[in-house]
Amino acid sequence: GLVERDGEFTQIHVVQHWCYLGSTPTPEAARQLSQTASQVAANFDADGYKILCRPVLTGSVEIVL
């Protein structure tokens, strides 16, 4: 999950195998989303990859497992 913070607002964007699964406000909800989505086949999203690649590789975003 990639963590986005703005003041008191926090969202965890859940990504699995470079596929965006959604966003949640808590780590517990992110884990649930990840487990639910893993049962459904998700396709690689080239646009999502391009958007996420730089922050992930440069370490400019907080990542939670």
Protein backbone atom coordinates (compact mmCIF):
# COMPACT_ATOMS: atom_id res chain seq x y z
CA GLY A 1 0.00 0.00 0.00
CA LEU A 2 1.17 3.50 -0.84
CA VAL A 3 0.30 5.95 1.92
CA GLU A 4 -1.00 9.41 1.05
CA ARG A 5 -1.34 11.97 3.85
CA ASP A 6 -2.76 15.48 3.89
CA GLY A 7 -3.23 16.88 7.36
CA GLU A 8 -5.56 14.51 9.21
CA PHE A 9 -6.60 12.78 5.97
CA THR A 10 -4.87 9.44 5.25
CA GLN A 11 -5.48 7.05 2.38
CA ILE A 12 -3.71 3.81 1.59
CA HIS A 13 -3.70 3.02 -2.11
CA VAL A 14 -3.58 -0.76 -2.50
CA VAL A 15 -1.53 -2.12 -5.40
CA GLN A 16 -0.90 -5.77 -6.17
CA HIS A 17 1.32 -6.88 -9.05
CA TRP A 18 1.21 -3.31 -10.41
CA CYS A 19 -2.62 -3.40 -10.46
CA TYR A 20 -4.48 -0.69 -8.52
CA LEU A 21 -7.09 -2.34 -6.30
CA GLY A 22 -8.50 0.73 -4.54
CA SER A 23 -7.89 2.91 -1.51
CA THR A 24 -8.85 2.72 2.15
CA PRO A 25 -8.35 4.87 5.24
CA THR A 26 -6.84 2.14 7.47
CA PRO A 27 -4.22 -0.63 7.19
CA GLU A 28 -6.82 -3.21 8.30
CA ALA A 29 -9.19 -2.23 5.47
CA ALA A 30 -6.25 -2.25 3.02
CA ARG A 31 -5.38 -5.82 4.03
CA GLN A 32 -9.01 -6.85 3.59
CA LEU A 33 -9.13 -5.22 0.15
CA SER A 34 -5.92 -6.98 -0.84
CA GLN A 35 -7.22 -10.38 0.31
CA THR A 36 -10.57 -9.93 -1.42
CA ALA A 37 -9.01 -8.69 -4.65
CA SER A 38 -6.47 -11.52 -4.75
CA GLN A 39 -9.39 -13.87 -5.40
CA VAL A 40 -10.25 -11.93 -8.56
CA ALA A 41 -7.90 -11.89 -11.55
CA ALA A 42 -6.53 -8.38 -12.06
CA ASN A 43 -4.78 -7.28 -15.22
CA PHE A 44 -1.56 -5.31 -15.46
CA ASP A 45 -2.28 -1.59 -15.94
CA ALA A 46 0.44 0.16 -17.94
CA ASP A 47 -0.84 3.64 -17.00
CA GLY A 48 -0.84 2.75 -13.30
CA TYR A 49 2.68 1.39 -13.65
CA LYS A 50 3.89 4.65 -15.21
CA ILE A 51 2.26 6.71 -12.46
CA LEU A 52 3.55 4.56 -9.58
CA CYS A 53 7.01 3.68 -10.85
CA ARG A 54 8.80 6.94 -9.98
CA PRO A 55 7.56 7.37 -6.38
CA VAL A 56 8.14 3.69 -5.61
CA LEU A 57 11.63 3.49 -7.09
CA THR A 58 12.81 6.83 -5.65
CA GLY A 59 11.45 6.04 -2.19
CA SER A 60 9.49 9.29 -2.09
CA VAL A 61 6.32 7.56 -0.88
CA GLU A 62 5.62 5.67 2.34
CA ILE A 63 4.91 2.00 1.61
CA VAL A 64 3.17 -0.41 3.98
CA LEU A 65 3.01 -4.16 3.44
